[in-house]
Amino acid sequence: MEFLLEPLHYEFFRRGLLAAFLIGISSGLVGVYVVLRGMSYVGHGLSHAAVGGAVIGFALNLDFYVGACAMGLLAILIIHKITHNQKIKLDAAIGIVTTAIFALGVAIINKLRNFKQNFEATLFGNILGITDQDLIMIGFVTLMTLITLFFTYRSLLFATFDSEAAQIFGIHTESVQLLFSLLLTLTIIASLNVIGVTMVAATLIAPAMTARMLTDSFSRMIIYSMGVGAITGITGMYMSYILDIASGSTVVLFSATLFSLSLFIKSPRHSG
């Protein structure tokens, strides 16, 4: 029991633990829709766009979150616009737009030889880097995600499984899709400093897929995914402290372990 209490004596660990717990909940919730909509690649792409935006923001003397949010949201709007006529597939649009924004950030770093900002925490995650600003951002995004998806539950559920029927029943599927994309972008950006850009996609996908292995019920899948996300965040933070390695790595490795176990508990299920 002592080994569980010892890390709590340190303020940096308490901050990281709270951040990982909140991120686990929000990522688990959003991840369900990501998996069921076949948008697994979007988390990877948007995380890179956010890093490119952060670099652009720093070059303009802006806050990390201002630059990351601005370019992340811009990426979503551009992707939404160019896939509107369905001639360009979503995965292709994500690959082009987000990679271009990330490349712009790299070009700025190369151009500004005196660029001294360290993005190691953003790339790999770091519990030592969690600040009050990070916690406020993470808490705000988690609360907003819970509230928004609660009130749009029916519309988003309908649009996820049968978008054509949803339109017939008067649901504006494009607006619902755009709203969800905005929440996804904010969730990714909020988790960058804890999980890291190289790991953030896994925190969206693994809890949801683990839940998918355990149930055919959509509502239970949401609850399971949020629970797995929260447990993964907490356990991953303890593993990070004990093993003295990046928090992003331990969170993702434990999440992958739970997913592997779920494969032995239940065989893959088909959407019903």
Protein backbone atom coordinates (compact mmCIF):
# COMPACT_ATOMS: atom_id res chain seq x y z
CA MET A 1 0.00 0.00 0.00
CA GLU A 2 2.92 2.29 0.72
CA PHE A 3 4.10 2.23 -2.88
CA LEU A 4 0.71 3.66 -3.92
CA LEU A 5 0.87 6.50 -1.40
CA GLU A 6 4.53 7.45 -1.77
CA PRO A 7 4.22 9.18 -5.18
CA LEU A 8 1.28 11.22 -3.91
CA HIS A 9 3.68 13.16 -1.67
CA TYR A 10 4.97 14.92 -4.78
CA GLU A 11 2.95 17.73 -6.28
CA PHE A 12 4.12 17.01 -9.84
CA PHE A 13 2.78 13.44 -9.55
CA ARG A 14 -0.58 14.56 -8.19
CA ARG A 15 -0.90 16.97 -11.12
CA GLY A 16 0.05 14.30 -13.62
CA LEU A 17 -2.29 11.74 -12.04
CA LEU A 18 -5.26 14.11 -12.23
CA ALA A 19 -4.40 15.06 -15.80
CA ALA A 20 -4.07 11.43 -16.89
CA PHE A 21 -7.37 10.53 -15.21
CA LEU A 22 -9.26 13.34 -16.94
CA ILE A 23 -7.63 12.63 -20.30
CA GLY A 24 -8.50 8.96 -19.93
CA ILE A 25 -12.16 9.83 -19.46
CA SER A 26 -12.41 12.32 -22.34
CA SER A 27 -10.31 10.22 -24.74
CA GLY A 28 -12.27 7.09 -23.85
CA LEU A 29 -15.56 8.86 -24.56
CA VAL A 30 -14.50 10.49 -27.82
CA GLY A 31 -12.63 7.37 -28.88
CA VAL A 32 -15.85 5.34 -29.07
CA TYR A 33 -17.16 7.58 -31.84
CA VAL A 34 -13.74 7.65 -33.52
CA VAL A 35 -13.66 3.85 -33.70
CA LEU A 36 -17.27 3.39 -34.80
CA ARG A 37 -16.93 6.10 -37.46
CA GLY A 38 -13.74 4.58 -38.86
CA MET A 39 -11.75 7.72 -38.03
CA SER A 40 -8.81 6.06 -36.31
CA TYR A 41 -6.28 7.86 -38.52
CA VAL A 42 -7.67 11.29 -37.64
CA GLY A 43 -6.15 11.33 -34.13
CA HIS A 44 -2.67 10.77 -35.51
CA GLY A 45 -3.10 13.45 -38.15
CA LEU A 46 -4.62 16.12 -35.92
CA SER A 47 -1.95 15.66 -33.26
CA HIS A 48 0.72 16.47 -35.83
CA ALA A 49 -1.25 19.48 -37.06
CA ALA A 50 -1.48 20.70 -33.45
CA VAL A 51 2.29 20.47 -33.03
CA GLY A 52 2.78 22.42 -36.24
CA GLY A 53 0.33 25.00 -34.92
CA ALA A 54 2.18 25.23 -31.62
CA VAL A 55 5.43 25.95 -33.47
CA ILE A 56 3.72 28.63 -35.53
CA GLY A 57 2.24 30.07 -32.35
CA PHE A 58 5.62 30.25 -30.62
CA ALA A 59 7.11 31.93 -33.68
CA LEU A 60 4.39 34.58 -33.34
CA ASN A 61 4.90 34.84 -29.56
CA LEU A 62 1.57 33.15 -28.87
CA ASP A 63 0.67 30.64 -26.15
CA PHE A 64 1.11 26.92 -26.90
CA TYR A 65 -2.61 26.21 -26.70
CA VAL A 66 -3.54 29.25 -28.79
CA GLY A 67 -1.34 28.16 -31.69
CA ALA A 68 -2.22 24.47 -31.40
CA CYS A 69 -5.97 25.11 -31.14
CA ALA A 70 -5.98 27.63 -33.98
CA MET A 71 -4.21 25.35 -36.45
CA GLY A 72 -6.00 22.23 -35.24
CA LEU A 73 -9.39 23.84 -35.76
CA LEU A 74 -8.26 25.28 -39.09
CA ALA A 75 -7.23 21.78 -40.18
CA ILE A 76 -10.67 20.43 -39.24
CA LEU A 77 -12.45 23.18 -41.18
CA ILE A 78 -10.30 22.64 -44.27
CA ILE A 79 -10.76 18.86 -44.12
CA HIS A 80 -14.51 19.29 -43.67
CA LYS A 81 -14.63 21.66 -46.64
CA ILE A 82 -12.67 19.56 -49.13
CA THR A 83 -14.50 16.33 -48.23
CA HIS A 84 -17.91 17.99 -48.48
CA ASN A 85 -18.63 16.69 -51.99
CA GLN A 86 -17.30 13.21 -51.08
CA LYS A 87 -14.94 13.20 -54.07
CA ILE A 88 -11.98 13.30 -51.70
CA LYS A 89 -11.93 10.61 -49.01
CA LEU A 90 -11.50 11.59 -45.36
CA ASP A 91 -8.24 9.72 -44.83
CA ALA A 92 -6.67 11.34 -47.89
CA ALA A 93 -7.76 14.82 -46.78
CA ILE A 94 -6.39 14.25 -43.29
CA GLY A 95 -3.06 13.06 -44.67
CA ILE A 96 -2.65 16.08 -46.94
CA VAL A 97 -3.86 18.86 -44.64
CA THR A 98 -2.36 17.79 -41.31
CA THR A 99 0.98 16.81 -42.82
CA ALA A 100 1.19 20.19 -44.58
CA ILE A 101 0.63 22.05 -41.30
CA PHE A 102 3.20 19.89 -39.51
CA ALA A 103 5.67 20.46 -42.35
CA LEU A 104 5.09 24.21 -42.05
CA GLY A 105 6.06 24.01 -38.39
CA VAL A 106 9.23 22.07 -39.23
CA ALA A 107 10.10 24.64 -41.90
CA ILE A 108 9.73 27.46 -39.36
CA ILE A 109 12.05 25.67 -36.93
CA ASN A 110 14.65 25.25 -39.68
CA LYS A 111 14.29 28.85 -40.79
CA LEU A 112 14.56 30.34 -37.29
CA ARG A 113 18.00 29.17 -36.29
CA ASN A 114 17.57 30.71 -32.84
CA PHE A 115 14.38 28.74 -32.15
CA LYS A 116 14.98 27.42 -28.63
CA GLN A 117 11.58 26.06 -27.62
CA ASN A 118 11.83 22.44 -26.44
CA PHE A 119 9.06 20.21 -27.75
CA GLU A 120 10.23 17.00 -26.09
CA ALA A 121 7.28 16.97 -23.66
CA THR A 122 4.88 17.52 -26.55
CA LEU A 123 6.43 14.70 -28.55
CA PHE A 124 6.71 12.08 -25.80
CA GLY A 125 4.72 13.36 -22.81
CA ASN A 126 6.17 14.33 -19.44
CA ILE A 127 4.52 14.35 -16.00
CA LEU A 128 7.05 16.94 -14.80
CA GLY A 129 5.70 19.41 -17.36
CA ILE A 130 2.09 19.52 -16.11
CA THR A 131 1.22 23.06 -15.07
CA ASP A 132 -1.87 24.73 -13.62
CA GLN A 133 -2.64 25.98 -17.12
CA ASP A 134 -2.49 22.41 -18.45
CA LEU A 135 -4.86 21.18 -15.73
CA ILE A 136 -7.32 23.99 -16.39
CA MET A 137 -7.28 23.25 -20.11
CA ILE A 138 -7.68 19.50 -19.58
CA GLY A 139 -10.47 19.98 -17.03
CA PHE A 140 -12.30 22.42 -19.28
CA VAL A 141 -12.08 20.15 -22.33
CA THR A 142 -13.19 17.08 -20.34
CA LEU A 143 -16.19 18.89 -18.86
CA MET A 144 -17.17 20.41 -22.21
CA THR A 145 -16.87 17.03 -23.93
CA LEU A 146 -19.04 15.29 -21.33
CA ILE A 147 -21.73 17.98 -21.46
CA THR A 148 -21.77 18.32 -25.25
CA LEU A 149 -21.89 14.59 -25.99
CA PHE A 150 -24.58 14.12 -23.33
CA PHE A 151 -26.89 16.61 -25.01
CA THR A 152 -26.05 15.44 -28.55
CA TYR A 153 -26.10 11.72 -27.70
CA ARG A 154 -29.13 10.82 -29.85
CA SER A 155 -28.13 12.94 -32.85
CA LEU A 156 -24.54 11.73 -32.84
CA LEU A 157 -25.58 8.11 -32.36
CA PHE A 158 -28.01 8.34 -35.26
CA ALA A 159 -25.48 10.10 -37.50
CA THR A 160 -22.80 7.54 -36.64
CA PHE A 161 -24.76 4.45 -37.61
CA ASP A 162 -27.10 5.73 -40.34
CA SER A 163 -26.32 9.22 -41.60
CA GLU A 164 -28.80 9.00 -44.49
CA ALA A 165 -31.71 8.12 -42.21
CA ALA A 166 -30.57 10.81 -39.78
CA GLN A 167 -30.92 13.43 -42.51
CA ILE A 168 -34.42 12.18 -43.32
CA PHE A 169 -35.40 12.65 -39.68
CA GLY A 170 -34.13 16.23 -39.73
CA ILE A 171 -30.73 15.77 -38.11
CA HIS A 172 -28.10 18.07 -39.59
CA THR A 173 -25.39 15.45 -39.93
CA GLU A 174 -22.78 17.89 -41.25
CA SER A 175 -23.19 20.14 -38.21
CA VAL A 176 -23.05 17.13 -35.90
CA GLN A 177 -19.92 15.87 -37.66
CA LEU A 178 -18.24 19.28 -37.43
CA LEU A 179 -19.11 19.62 -33.73
CA PHE A 180 -17.66 16.20 -33.01
CA SER A 181 -14.51 17.02 -34.98
CA LEU A 182 -14.02 20.17 -32.90
CA LEU A 183 -14.35 18.19 -29.66
CA LEU A 184 -11.90 15.61 -30.99
CA THR A 185 -9.38 18.33 -31.84
CA LEU A 186 -9.61 19.89 -28.38
CA THR A 187 -9.29 16.49 -26.70
CA ILE A 188 -6.13 15.73 -28.66
CA ILE A 189 -4.58 19.11 -27.94
CA ALA A 190 -5.37 18.89 -24.22
CA SER A 191 -3.56 15.55 -23.97
CA LEU A 192 -0.38 16.42 -25.87
CA ASN A 193 1.76 17.45 -22.91
CA VAL A 194 0.83 14.32 -20.94
CA ILE A 195 0.73 11.62 -23.62
CA GLY A 196 2.78 13.17 -26.41
CA VAL A 197 2.06 13.51 -30.11
CA THR A 198 3.58 10.13 -30.93
CA MET A 199 1.19 8.33 -28.55
CA VAL A 200 -2.04 10.35 -28.54
CA ALA A 201 -3.80 8.33 -31.25
CA ALA A 202 -3.43 5.15 -29.19
CA THR A 203 -5.17 6.71 -26.16
CA LEU A 204 -8.19 7.38 -28.38
CA ILE A 205 -8.31 3.97 -30.02
CA ALA A 206 -7.17 1.36 -27.47
CA PRO A 207 -9.76 1.99 -24.68
CA ALA A 208 -12.61 2.10 -27.20
CA MET A 209 -11.45 -1.08 -28.94
CA THR A 210 -11.05 -2.82 -25.58
CA ALA A 211 -14.62 -1.85 -24.72
CA ARG A 212 -15.75 -3.02 -28.17
CA MET A 213 -14.36 -6.47 -27.43
CA LEU A 214 -16.39 -6.66 -24.22
CA THR A 215 -19.86 -5.55 -25.28
CA ASP A 216 -22.27 -5.10 -28.18
CA SER A 217 -24.18 -2.35 -26.38
CA PHE A 218 -23.35 1.20 -27.48
CA SER A 219 -24.14 2.74 -24.08
CA ARG A 220 -22.10 0.13 -22.21
CA MET A 221 -19.27 0.57 -24.69
CA ILE A 222 -19.10 4.26 -23.76
CA ILE A 223 -19.04 3.48 -20.03
CA TYR A 224 -16.44 0.72 -20.43
CA SER A 225 -14.25 2.87 -22.66
CA MET A 226 -14.27 5.77 -20.21
CA GLY A 227 -13.48 3.38 -17.36
CA VAL A 228 -10.63 1.72 -19.26
CA GLY A 229 -9.28 5.15 -20.22
CA ALA A 230 -9.32 6.37 -16.61
CA ILE A 231 -7.74 3.17 -15.25
CA THR A 232 -5.12 3.22 -17.99
CA GLY A 233 -4.24 6.84 -17.22
CA ILE A 234 -3.84 6.22 -13.48
CA THR A 235 -1.92 2.95 -13.84
CA GLY A 236 0.25 4.38 -16.59
CA MET A 237 1.25 7.30 -14.37
CA TYR A 238 2.29 4.96 -11.55
CA MET A 239 4.29 2.87 -14.03
CA SER A 240 5.92 6.05 -15.32
CA TYR A 241 6.98 7.01 -11.79
CA ILE A 242 8.21 3.54 -10.84
CA LEU A 243 10.06 2.82 -14.08
CA ASP A 244 11.23 6.43 -14.58
CA ILE A 245 10.21 6.60 -18.25
CA ALA A 246 7.95 8.91 -20.25
CA SER A 247 4.31 8.88 -19.17
CA GLY A 248 3.07 8.55 -22.75
CA SER A 249 4.91 5.27 -23.19
CA THR A 250 3.62 3.66 -20.01
CA VAL A 251 0.02 4.78 -20.58
CA VAL A 252 -0.02 3.39 -24.12
CA LEU A 253 1.76 0.15 -23.18
CA PHE A 254 -0.69 -0.56 -20.37
CA SER A 255 -3.60 0.33 -22.63
CA ALA A 256 -2.29 -2.11 -25.25
CA THR A 257 -1.96 -4.78 -22.53
CA LEU A 258 -5.62 -4.36 -21.54
CA PHE A 259 -6.65 -4.59 -25.18
CA SER A 260 -4.64 -7.80 -25.58
CA LEU A 261 -6.35 -9.28 -22.52
CA SER A 262 -9.77 -8.35 -23.92
CA LEU A 263 -8.98 -10.39 -27.03
CA PHE A 264 -8.73 -13.49 -24.87
CA ILE A 265 -11.90 -12.67 -22.92
CA LYS A 266 -14.19 -12.09 -25.88
CA SER A 267 -13.84 -12.69 -29.60
CA PRO A 268 -14.20 -9.62 -31.86
CA ARG A 269 -17.81 -8.58 -32.23
CA HIS A 270 -19.58 -7.15 -35.21
CA SER A 271 -21.63 -4.00 -35.06
CA GLY A 272 -25.29 -4.76 -34.52
